[in-house]
PDB file of N, CA and C in Angstrom:
ATOM      1  N   MET A   1       0.821  -1.190   0.000  1.00  0.00           N
ATOM      2  CA  MET A   1       0.000   0.000   0.000  1.00  0.00           C
ATOM      3  C   MET A   1       0.871   1.263   0.000  1.00  0.00           C
ATOM      4  N   ARG A   2       1.963   1.220   0.731  1.00  0.00           N
ATOM      5  CA  ARG A   2       2.863   2.363   0.817  1.00  0.00           C
ATOM      6  C   ARG A   2       3.432   2.728  -0.565  1.00  0.00           C
ATOM      7  N   LEU A   3       3.730   1.731  -1.368  1.00  0.00           N
ATOM      8  CA  LEU A   3       4.257   1.945  -2.712  1.00  0.00           C
ATOM      9  C   LEU A   3       3.287   2.761  -3.548  1.00  0.00           C
ATOM     10  N   PHE A   4       2.005   2.491  -3.427  1.00  0.00           N
ATOM     11  CA  PHE A   4       1.015   3.189  -4.231  1.00  0.00           C
ATOM     12  C   PHE A   4       0.837   4.639  -3.800  1.00  0.00           C
ATOM     13  N   ARG A   5       1.095   4.949  -2.538  1.00  0.00           N
ATOM     14  CA  ARG A   5       0.998   6.340  -2.081  1.00  0.00           C
ATOM     15  C   ARG A   5       2.095   7.189  -2.710  1.00  0.00           C
ATOM     16  N   SER A   6       3.265   6.625  -2.900  1.00  0.00           N
ATOM     17  CA  SER A   6       4.370   7.400  -3.461  1.00  0.00           C
ATOM     18  C   SER A   6       4.377   7.374  -4.987  1.00  0.00           C
ATOM     19  N   LEU A   7       3.557   6.545  -5.582  1.00  0.00           N
ATOM     20  CA  LEU A   7       3.522   6.437  -7.035  1.00  0.00           C
ATOM     21  C   LEU A   7       3.159   7.753  -7.726  1.00  0.00           C
ATOM     22  N   PRO A   8       2.129   8.505  -7.285  1.00  0.00           N
ATOM     23  CA  PRO A   8       1.838   9.778  -7.951  1.00  0.00           C
ATOM     24  C   PRO A   8       3.009  10.752  -7.883  1.00  0.00           C
ATOM     25  N   VAL A   9       3.718  10.777  -6.766  1.00  0.00           N
ATOM     26  CA  VAL A   9       4.878  11.654  -6.634  1.00  0.00           C
ATOM     27  C   VAL A   9       5.961  11.246  -7.626  1.00  0.00           C
ATOM     28  N   ALA A  10       6.197   9.950  -7.751  1.00  0.00           N
ATOM     29  CA  ALA A  10       7.205   9.452  -8.687  1.00  0.00           C
ATOM     30  C   ALA A  10       6.835   9.798 -10.122  1.00  0.00           C
ATOM     31  N   ILE A  11       5.560   9.705 -10.458  1.00  0.00           N
ATOM     32  CA  ILE A  11       5.116  10.034 -11.825  1.00  0.00           C
ATOM     33  C   ILE A  11       5.309  11.514 -12.101  1.00  0.00           C
ATOM     34  N   VAL A  12       4.933  12.370 -11.154  1.00  0.00           N
ATOM     35  CA  VAL A  12       5.123  13.815 -11.332  1.00  0.00           C
ATOM     36  C   VAL A  12       6.598  14.143 -11.480  1.00  0.00           C
ATOM     37  N   MET A  13       7.460  13.555 -10.647  1.00  0.00           N
ATOM     38  CA  MET A  13       8.898  13.808 -10.743  1.00  0.00           C
ATOM     39  C   MET A  13       9.446  13.347 -12.089  1.00  0.00           C
ATOM     40  N   ALA A  14       9.027  12.208 -12.566  1.00  0.00           N
ATOM     41  CA  ALA A  14       9.501  11.696 -13.853  1.00  0.00           C
ATOM     42  C   ALA A  14       9.061  12.611 -14.983  1.00  0.00           C
ATOM     43  N   CYS A  15       7.828  13.069 -14.934  1.00  0.00           N
ATOM     44  CA  CYS A  15       7.337  13.980 -15.979  1.00  0.00           C
ATOM     45  C   CYS A  15       8.083  15.304 -15.935  1.00  0.00           C
ATOM     46  N   SER A  16       8.338  15.801 -14.726  1.00  0.00           N
ATOM     47  CA  SER A  16       9.064  17.047 -14.559  1.00  0.00           C
ATOM     48  C   SER A  16      10.479  16.924 -15.109  1.00  0.00           C
ATOM     49  N   GLN A  17      11.147  15.814 -14.810  1.00  0.00           N
ATOM     50  CA  GLN A  17      12.502  15.600 -15.308  1.00  0.00           C
ATOM     51  C   GLN A  17      12.507  15.458 -16.814  1.00  0.00           C
ATOM     52  N   ALA A  18      11.516  14.802 -17.374  1.00  0.00           N
ATOM     53  CA  ALA A  18      11.440  14.648 -18.829  1.00  0.00           C
ATOM     54  C   ALA A  18      11.236  15.997 -19.481  1.00  0.00           C
ATOM     55  N   HIS A  19      10.383  16.847 -18.885  1.00  0.00           N
ATOM     56  CA  HIS A  19      10.145  18.164 -19.456  1.00  0.00           C
ATOM     57  C   HIS A  19      11.408  19.017 -19.395  1.00  0.00           C
ATOM     58  N   SER A  20      12.128  18.976 -18.254  1.00  0.00           N
ATOM     59  CA  SER A  20      13.335  19.787 -18.144  1.00  0.00           C
ATOM     60  C   SER A  20      14.429  19.281 -19.080  1.00  0.00           C
ATOM     61  N   ALA A  21      14.403  18.001 -19.426  1.00  0.00           N
ATOM     62  CA  ALA A  21      15.398  17.472 -20.348  1.00  0.00           C
ATOM     63  C   ALA A  21      15.134  17.965 -21.765  1.00  0.00           C
ATOM     64  N   GLU A  22      13.887  18.286 -22.062  1.00  0.00           N
ATOM     65  CA  GLU A  22      13.540  18.766 -23.396  1.00  0.00           C
ATOM     66  C   GLU A  22      14.027  20.189 -23.625  1.00  0.00           C
ATOM     67  N   ARG A  23      14.058  21.005 -22.578  1.00  0.00           N
ATOM     68  CA  ARG A  23      14.378  22.410 -22.717  1.00  0.00           C
ATOM     69  C   ARG A  23      15.354  22.820 -21.625  1.00  0.00           C
ATOM     70  N   PRO A  24      16.505  23.357 -21.986  1.00  0.00           N
ATOM     71  CA  PRO A  24      17.465  23.746 -20.962  1.00  0.00           C
ATOM     72  C   PRO A  24      16.922  24.893 -20.126  1.00  0.00           C
ATOM     73  N   GLY A  25      17.316  24.949 -18.882  1.00  0.00           N
ATOM     74  CA  GLY A  25      16.883  26.026 -18.009  1.00  0.00           C
ATOM     75  C   GLY A  25      18.065  26.661 -17.319  1.00  0.00           C
ATOM     76  N   PHE A  26      17.802  27.784 -16.699  1.00  0.00           N
ATOM     77  CA  PHE A  26      18.858  28.513 -16.001  1.00  0.00           C
ATOM     78  C   PHE A  26      18.828  28.318 -14.499  1.00  0.00           C
ATOM     79  N   ALA A  27      17.654  28.053 -13.951  1.00  0.00           N
ATOM     80  CA  ALA A  27      17.502  27.999 -12.499  1.00  0.00           C
ATOM     81  C   ALA A  27      18.345  26.882 -11.895  1.00  0.00           C
ATOM     82  N   GLY A  28      18.931  27.193 -10.744  1.00  0.00           N
ATOM     83  CA  GLY A  28      19.675  26.174 -10.028  1.00  0.00           C
ATOM     84  C   GLY A  28      21.069  26.614  -9.634  1.00  0.00           C
ATOM     85  N   ALA A  29      21.836  25.628  -9.230  1.00  0.00           N
ATOM     86  CA  ALA A  29      23.204  25.851  -8.751  1.00  0.00           C
ATOM     87  C   ALA A  29      24.196  25.752  -9.905  1.00  0.00           C
ATOM     88  N   TRP A  30      25.154  26.661  -9.912  1.00  0.00           N
ATOM     89  CA  TRP A  30      26.203  26.721 -10.925  1.00  0.00           C
ATOM     90  C   TRP A  30      27.532  26.905 -10.225  1.00  0.00           C
ATOM     91  N   ARG A  31      28.627  26.689 -10.947  1.00  0.00           N
ATOM     92  CA  ARG A  31      29.952  27.039 -10.436  1.00  0.00           C
ATOM     93  C   ARG A  31      30.734  27.665 -11.580  1.00  0.00           C
ATOM     94  N   CYS A  32      31.486  28.696 -11.252  1.00  0.00           N
ATOM     95  CA  CYS A  32      32.284  29.386 -12.266  1.00  0.00           C
ATOM     96  C   CYS A  32      33.449  28.498 -12.666  1.00  0.00           C
ATOM     97  N   ASP A  33      33.670  28.407 -13.970  1.00  0.00           N
ATOM     98  CA  ASP A  33      34.705  27.519 -14.500  1.00  0.00           C
ATOM     99  C   ASP A  33      35.812  28.278 -15.240  1.00  0.00           C
ATOM    100  N   ARG A  34      35.519  29.507 -15.673  1.00  0.00           N
ATOM    101  CA  ARG A  34      36.528  30.276 -16.422  1.00  0.00           C
ATOM    102  C   ARG A  34      36.316  31.767 -16.175  1.00  0.00           C
ATOM    103  N   LEU A  35      37.409  32.498 -16.039  1.00  0.00           N
ATOM    104  CA  LEU A  35      37.420  33.928 -15.732  1.00  0.00           C
ATOM    105  C   LEU A  35      36.635  34.217 -14.456  1.00  0.00           C
ATOM    106  N   CYS A  36      36.982  33.495 -13.399  1.00  0.00           N
ATOM    107  CA  CYS A  36      36.286  33.596 -12.118  1.00  0.00           C
ATOM    108  C   CYS A  36      37.053  34.507 -11.168  1.00  0.00           C
ATOM    109  N   LYS A  37      36.310  35.198 -10.308  1.00  0.00           N
ATOM    110  CA  LYS A  37      36.924  35.976  -9.237  1.00  0.00           C
ATOM    111  C   LYS A  37      37.356  35.028  -8.120  1.00  0.00           C
ATOM    112  N   VAL A  38      36.550  33.974  -7.894  1.00  0.00           N
ATOM    113  CA  VAL A  38      36.836  32.933  -6.909  1.00  0.00           C
ATOM    114  C   VAL A  38      36.585  31.608  -7.603  1.00  0.00           C
ATOM    115  N   PHE A  39      37.597  30.727  -7.644  1.00  0.00           N
ATOM    116  CA  PHE A  39      37.439  29.456  -8.338  1.00  0.00           C
ATOM    117  C   PHE A  39      36.731  28.429  -7.477  1.00  0.00           C
ATOM    118  N   ASP A  40      35.935  27.604  -8.124  1.00  0.00           N
ATOM    119  CA  ASP A  40      35.222  26.483  -7.521  1.00  0.00           C
ATOM    120  C   ASP A  40      34.263  26.921  -6.411  1.00  0.00           C
ATOM    121  N   ALA A  41      33.764  28.146  -6.518  1.00  0.00           N
ATOM    122  CA  ALA A  41      32.776  28.640  -5.560  1.00  0.00           C
ATOM    123  C   ALA A  41      31.411  28.612  -6.225  1.00  0.00           C
ATOM    124  N   GLY A  42      30.394  28.477  -5.431  1.00  0.00           N
ATOM    125  CA  GLY A  42      29.048  28.343  -5.963  1.00  0.00           C
ATOM    126  C   GLY A  42      28.457  29.633  -6.489  1.00  0.00           C
ATOM    127  N   SER A  43      27.667  29.505  -7.523  1.00  0.00           N
ATOM    128  CA  SER A  43      26.870  30.570  -8.100  1.00  0.00           C
ATOM    129  C   SER A  43      25.455  30.020  -8.213  1.00  0.00           C
ATOM    130  N   SER A  44      24.481  30.913  -8.381  1.00  0.00           N
ATOM    131  CA  SER A  44      23.112  30.415  -8.510  1.00  0.00           C
ATOM    132  C   SER A  44      22.267  31.366  -9.339  1.00  0.00           C
ATOM    133  N   ILE A  45      21.200  30.815  -9.881  1.00  0.00           N
ATOM    134  CA  ILE A  45      20.228  31.598 -10.635  1.00  0.00           C
ATOM    135  C   ILE A  45      18.841  31.162 -10.191  1.00  0.00           C
ATOM    136  N   THR A  46      18.001  32.152  -9.890  1.00  0.00           N
ATOM    137  CA  THR A  46      16.601  31.920  -9.570  1.00  0.00           C
ATOM    138  C   THR A  46      15.765  32.636 -10.614  1.00  0.00           C
ATOM    139  N   ILE A  47      14.766  31.952 -11.148  1.00  0.00           N
ATOM    140  CA  ILE A  47      13.900  32.521 -12.170  1.00  0.00           C
ATOM    141  C   ILE A  47      12.486  32.597 -11.620  1.00  0.00           C
ATOM    142  N   VAL A  48      11.866  33.769 -11.755  1.00  0.00           N
ATOM    143  CA  VAL A  48      10.457  33.948 -11.413  1.00  0.00           C
ATOM    144  C   VAL A  48       9.825  34.682 -12.583  1.00  0.00           C
ATOM    145  N   GLY A  49       9.002  33.960 -13.353  1.00  0.00           N
ATOM    146  CA  GLY A  49       8.452  34.544 -14.572  1.00  0.00           C
ATOM    147  C   GLY A  49       9.579  34.819 -15.538  1.00  0.00           C
ATOM    148  N   GLY A  50       9.706  36.047 -16.004  1.00  0.00           N
ATOM    149  CA  GLY A  50      10.800  36.428 -16.895  1.00  0.00           C
ATOM    150  C   GLY A  50      11.938  37.107 -16.167  1.00  0.00           C
ATOM    151  N   ALA A  51      11.797  37.265 -14.837  1.00  0.00           N
ATOM    152  CA  ALA A  51      12.833  37.932 -14.043  1.00  0.00           C
ATOM    153  C   ALA A  51      13.846  36.911 -13.543  1.00  0.00           C
ATOM    154  N   ALA A  52      15.089  37.359 -13.415  1.00  0.00           N
ATOM    155  CA  ALA A  52      16.167  36.492 -12.949  1.00  0.00           C
ATOM    156  C   ALA A  52      16.902  37.159 -11.797  1.00  0.00           C
ATOM    157  N   GLU A  53      17.285  36.353 -10.812  1.00  0.00           N
ATOM    158  CA  GLU A  53      18.200  36.795  -9.766  1.00  0.00           C
ATOM    159  C   GLU A  53      19.429  35.914  -9.866  1.00  0.00           C
ATOM    160  N   CYS A  54      20.550  36.534 -10.176  1.00  0.00           N
ATOM    161  CA  CYS A  54      21.796  35.803 -10.370  1.00  0.00           C
ATOM    162  C   CYS A  54      22.762  36.164  -9.244  1.00  0.00           C
ATOM    163  N   ARG A  55      23.391  35.153  -8.662  1.00  0.00           N
ATOM    164  CA  ARG A  55      24.385  35.373  -7.619  1.00  0.00           C
ATOM    165  C   ARG A  55      25.691  34.740  -8.099  1.00  0.00           C
ATOM    166  N   ASP A  56      26.752  35.547  -8.179  1.00  0.00           N
ATOM    167  CA  ASP A  56      28.015  35.019  -8.691  1.00  0.00           C
ATOM    168  C   ASP A  56      28.828  34.367  -7.581  1.00  0.00           C
ATOM    169  N   GLU A  57      30.033  33.946  -7.919  1.00  0.00           N
ATOM    170  CA  GLU A  57      30.876  33.185  -6.993  1.00  0.00           C
ATOM    171  C   GLU A  57      31.368  34.003  -5.805  1.00  0.00           C
ATOM    172  N   THR A  58      31.246  35.332  -5.859  1.00  0.00           N
ATOM    173  CA  THR A  58      31.631  36.169  -4.715  1.00  0.00           C
ATOM    174  C   THR A  58      30.425  36.500  -3.837  1.00  0.00           C
ATOM    175  N   GLY A  59      29.233  36.093  -4.286  1.00  0.00           N
ATOM    176  CA  GLY A  59      28.009  36.391  -3.546  1.00  0.00           C
ATOM    177  C   GLY A  59      27.292  37.623  -4.060  1.00  0.00           C
ATOM    178  N   GLU A  60      27.870  38.301  -5.066  1.00  0.00           N
ATOM    179  CA  GLU A  60      27.239  39.489  -5.625  1.00  0.00           C
ATOM    180  C   GLU A  60      25.914  39.115  -6.286  1.00  0.00           C
ATOM    181  N   LEU A  61      24.876  39.893  -6.002  1.00  0.00           N
ATOM    182  CA  LEU A  61      23.554  39.653  -6.546  1.00  0.00           C
ATOM    183  C   LEU A  61      23.281  40.611  -7.690  1.00  0.00           C
ATOM    184  N   SER A  62      22.754  40.087  -8.783  1.00  0.00           N
ATOM    185  CA  SER A  62      22.367  40.898  -9.933  1.00  0.00           C
ATOM    186  C   SER A  62      20.947  40.527 -10.321  1.00  0.00           C
ATOM    187  N   LYS A  63      20.109  41.530 -10.440  1.00  0.00           N
ATOM    188  CA  LYS A  63      18.751  41.289 -10.927  1.00  0.00           C
ATOM    189  C   LYS A  63      18.795  41.438 -12.440  1.00  0.00           C
ATOM    190  N   GLY A  64      18.277  40.436 -13.121  1.00  0.00           N
ATOM    191  CA  GLY A  64      18.320  40.434 -14.578  1.00  0.00           C
ATOM    192  C   GLY A  64      17.024  39.925 -15.155  1.00  0.00           C
ATOM    193  N   ARG A  65      17.118  39.414 -16.368  1.00  0.00           N
ATOM    194  CA  ARG A  65      15.913  38.933 -17.045  1.00  0.00           C
ATOM    195  C   ARG A  65      16.276  37.881 -18.076  1.00  0.00           C
ATOM    196  N   LEU A  66      15.298  37.030 -18.355  1.00  0.00           N
ATOM    197  CA  LEU A  66      15.437  36.095 -19.462  1.00  0.00           C
ATOM    198  C   LEU A  66      15.195  36.881 -20.739  1.00  0.00           C
ATOM    199  N   THR A  67      16.027  36.693 -21.727  1.00  0.00           N
ATOM    200  CA  THR A  67      15.835  37.384 -22.999  1.00  0.00           C
ATOM    201  C   THR A  67      15.332  36.428 -24.077  1.00  0.00           C
ATOM    202  N   SER A  68      15.439  35.138 -23.815  1.00  0.00           N
ATOM    203  CA  SER A  68      14.838  34.092 -24.657  1.00  0.00           C
ATOM    204  C   SER A  68      14.870  32.809 -23.830  1.00  0.00           C
ATOM    205  N   ASP A  69      14.444  31.699 -24.413  1.00  0.00           N
ATOM    206  CA  ASP A  69      14.480  30.451 -23.639  1.00  0.00           C
ATOM    207  C   ASP A  69      15.901  29.943 -23.425  1.00  0.00           C
ATOM    208  N   ARG A  70      16.890  30.494 -24.139  1.00  0.00           N
ATOM    209  CA  ARG A  70      18.279  30.059 -23.969  1.00  0.00           C
ATOM    210  C   ARG A  70      19.236  31.184 -23.604  1.00  0.00           C
ATOM    211  N   THR A  71      18.724  32.415 -23.430  1.00  0.00           N
ATOM    212  CA  THR A  71      19.609  33.529 -23.088  1.00  0.00           C
ATOM    213  C   THR A  71      19.083  34.287 -21.876  1.00  0.00           C
ATOM    214  N   ILE A  72      20.019  34.837 -21.122  1.00  0.00           N
ATOM    215  CA  ILE A  72      19.721  35.559 -19.891  1.00  0.00           C
ATOM    216  C   ILE A  72      20.616  36.788 -19.843  1.00  0.00           C
ATOM    217  N   HIS A  73      20.141  37.843 -19.189  1.00  0.00           N
ATOM    218  CA  HIS A  73      20.952  39.047 -19.003  1.00  0.00           C
ATOM    219  C   HIS A  73      21.094  39.300 -17.508  1.00  0.00           C
ATOM    220  N   CYS A  74      22.317  39.225 -16.999  1.00  0.00           N
ATOM    221  CA  CYS A  74      22.650  39.508 -15.597  1.00  0.00           C
ATOM    222  C   CYS A  74      24.068  40.056 -15.557  1.00  0.00           C
ATOM    223  N   PHE A  75      24.387  40.838 -14.537  1.00  0.00           N
ATOM    224  CA  PHE A  75      25.744  41.381 -14.351  1.00  0.00           C
ATOM    225  C   PHE A  75      26.198  42.230 -15.542  1.00  0.00           C
ATOM    226  N   GLY A  76      25.260  42.795 -16.291  1.00  0.00           N
ATOM    227  CA  GLY A  76      25.627  43.593 -17.454  1.00  0.00           C
ATOM    228  C   GLY A  76      26.144  42.770 -18.615  1.00  0.00           C
ATOM    229  N   ALA A  77      25.927  41.460 -18.574  1.00  0.00           N
ATOM    230  CA  ALA A  77      26.390  40.560 -19.643  1.00  0.00           C
ATOM    231  C   ALA A  77      25.237  39.638 -20.045  1.00  0.00           C
ATOM    232  N   ASP A  78      25.357  39.072 -21.217  1.00  0.00           N
ATOM    233  CA  ASP A  78      24.384  38.099 -21.693  1.00  0.00           C
ATOM    234  C   ASP A  78      24.980  36.708 -21.593  1.00  0.00           C
ATOM    235  N   GLY A  79      24.149  35.759 -21.169  1.00  0.00           N
ATOM    236  CA  GLY A  79      24.588  34.383 -21.059  1.00  0.00           C
ATOM    237  C   GLY A  79      23.768  33.490 -21.964  1.00  0.00           C
ATOM    238  N   LEU A  80      24.424  32.544 -22.607  1.00  0.00           N
ATOM    239  CA  LEU A  80      23.775  31.571 -23.485  1.00  0.00           C
ATOM    240  C   LEU A  80      23.955  30.196 -22.873  1.00  0.00           C
ATOM    241  N   VAL A  81      22.835  29.520 -22.575  1.00  0.00           N
ATOM    242  CA  VAL A  81      22.910  28.178 -22.005  1.00  0.00           C
ATOM    243  C   VAL A  81      23.057  27.175 -23.143  1.00  0.00           C
ATOM    244  N   SER A  82      23.879  26.167 -22.910  1.00  0.00           N
ATOM    245  CA  SER A  82      24.105  25.123 -23.924  1.00  0.00           C
ATOM    246  C   SER A  82      22.823  24.319 -24.135  1.00  0.00           C
ATOM    247  N   ALA A  83      22.762  23.612 -25.237  1.00  0.00           N
ATOM    248  CA  ALA A  83      21.576  22.823 -25.585  1.00  0.00           C
ATOM    249  C   ALA A  83      21.242  21.785 -24.519  1.00  0.00           C
ATOM    250  N   ASP A  84      22.263  21.258 -23.827  1.00  0.00           N
ATOM    251  CA  ASP A  84      22.006  20.265 -22.776  1.00  0.00           C
ATOM    252  C   ASP A  84      21.770  20.904 -21.404  1.00  0.00           C
ATOM    253  N   GLY A  85      21.841  22.244 -21.315  1.00  0.00           N
ATOM    254  CA  GLY A  85      21.572  22.946 -20.069  1.00  0.00           C
ATOM    255  C   GLY A  85      22.674  22.851 -19.038  1.00  0.00           C
ATOM    256  N   GLU A  86      23.871  22.453 -19.438  1.00  0.00           N
ATOM    257  CA  GLU A  86      24.969  22.227 -18.499  1.00  0.00           C
ATOM    258  C   GLU A  86      25.985  23.363 -18.419  1.00  0.00           C
ATOM    259  N   ILE A  87      26.007  24.260 -19.407  1.00  0.00           N
ATOM    260  CA  ILE A  87      27.023  25.318 -19.463  1.00  0.00           C
ATOM    261  C   ILE A  87      26.364  26.638 -19.847  1.00  0.00           C
ATOM    262  N   ILE A  88      26.782  27.716 -19.177  1.00  0.00           N
ATOM    263  CA  ILE A  88      26.404  29.066 -19.601  1.00  0.00           C
ATOM    264  C   ILE A  88      27.679  29.770 -20.020  1.00  0.00           C
ATOM    265  N   ARG A  89      27.690  30.280 -21.226  1.00  0.00           N
ATOM    266  CA  ARG A  89      28.813  31.078 -21.728  1.00  0.00           C
ATOM    267  C   ARG A  89      28.360  32.541 -21.729  1.00  0.00           C
ATOM    268  N   TRP A  90      29.061  33.354 -20.949  1.00  0.00           N
ATOM    269  CA  TRP A  90      28.730  34.763 -20.798  1.00  0.00           C
ATOM    270  C   TRP A  90      29.527  35.608 -21.794  1.00  0.00           C
ATOM    271  N   THR A  91      28.938  36.741 -22.217  1.00  0.00           N
ATOM    272  CA  THR A  91      29.611  37.617 -23.181  1.00  0.00           C
ATOM    273  C   THR A  91      30.842  38.290 -22.583  1.00  0.00           C
ATOM    274  N   ASN A  92      31.001  38.267 -21.254  1.00  0.00           N
ATOM    275  CA  ASN A  92      32.209  38.831 -20.637  1.00  0.00           C
ATOM    276  C   ASN A  92      33.350  37.805 -20.576  1.00  0.00           C
ATOM    277  N   GLY A  93      33.125  36.609 -21.146  1.00  0.00           N
ATOM    278  CA  GLY A  93      34.153  35.576 -21.193  1.00  0.00           C
ATOM    279  C   GLY A  93      34.040  34.518 -20.108  1.00  0.00           C
ATOM    280  N   SER A  94      33.234  34.764 -19.072  1.00  0.00           N
ATOM    281  CA  SER A  94      33.054  33.769 -18.008  1.00  0.00           C
ATOM    282  C   SER A  94      32.297  32.559 -18.526  1.00  0.00           C
ATOM    283  N   VAL A  95      32.571  31.440 -17.911  1.00  0.00           N
ATOM    284  CA  VAL A  95      31.852  30.202 -18.212  1.00  0.00           C
ATOM    285  C   VAL A  95      31.392  29.606 -16.897  1.00  0.00           C
ATOM    286  N   TRP A  96      30.116  29.305 -16.801  1.00  0.00           N
ATOM    287  CA  TRP A  96      29.560  28.628 -15.634  1.00  0.00           C
ATOM    288  C   TRP A  96      29.142  27.233 -16.040  1.00  0.00           C
ATOM    289  N   ARG A  97      29.392  26.269 -15.157  1.00  0.00           N
ATOM    290  CA  ARG A  97      28.957  24.890 -15.368  1.00  0.00           C
ATOM    291  C   ARG A  97      27.939  24.522 -14.296  1.00  0.00           C
ATOM    292  N   ARG A  98      26.977  23.707 -14.674  1.00  0.00           N
ATOM    293  CA  ARG A  98      25.952  23.240 -13.731  1.00  0.00           C
ATOM    294  C   ARG A  98      26.649  22.554 -12.564  1.00  0.00           C
ATOM    295  N   ASP A  99      26.247  22.882 -11.356  1.00  0.00           N
ATOM    296  CA  ASP A  99      26.863  22.306 -10.163  1.00  0.00           C
ATOM    297  C   ASP A  99      25.982  21.174  -9.653  1.00  0.00           C
ATOM    298  N   HIS A 100      26.463  19.947  -9.823  1.00  0.00           N
ATOM    299  CA  HIS A 100      25.709  18.760  -9.420  1.00  0.00           C
ATOM    300  C   HIS A 100      26.164  18.222  -8.065  1.00  0.00           C
ATOM    301  N   ARG A 101      27.062  18.952  -7.403  1.00  0.00           N
ATOM    302  CA  ARG A 101      27.536  18.495  -6.098  1.00  0.00           C
ATOM    303  C   ARG A 101      26.392  18.528  -5.094  1.00  0.00           C
ATOM    304  N   THR A 102      26.420  17.576  -4.188  1.00  0.00           N
ATOM    305  CA  THR A 102      25.408  17.497  -3.148  1.00  0.00           C
ATOM    306  C   THR A 102      25.825  18.396  -1.986  1.00  0.00           C
ATOM    307  N   VAL A 103      24.888  19.202  -1.510  1.00  0.00           N
ATOM    308  CA  VAL A 103      25.152  20.076  -0.375  1.00  0.00           C
ATOM    309  C   VAL A 103      24.667  19.389   0.878  1.00  0.00           C
ATOM    310  N   PHE A 104      25.534  19.314   1.892  1.00  0.00           N
ATOM    311  CA  PHE A 104      25.169  18.676   3.171  1.00  0.00           C
ATOM    312  C   PHE A 104      24.947  19.718   4.222  1.00  0.00           C
TER     313      PHE A 104
END
């Protein structure tokens, strides 16, 4: 019986993951990989509607916006997310990679 209670949650999670795999997104944890002020430090992006809140590896917060489904404007620069959603290449030369590390 317990298995059936968690089944709807598992189905929703699977559908959500399938949808996110179809279209890259910006929201989540990132880490700066090139032209960083602090190496291997966390960065993050939060999306609400078309608005973006970007926090870089030093903790600086920039309010920005989505400019398309694959581009974002924060920190006075434009970022293009890769087709697989794993890399953002910024026009200022910085590169962010998706941070899959587990936080404890």
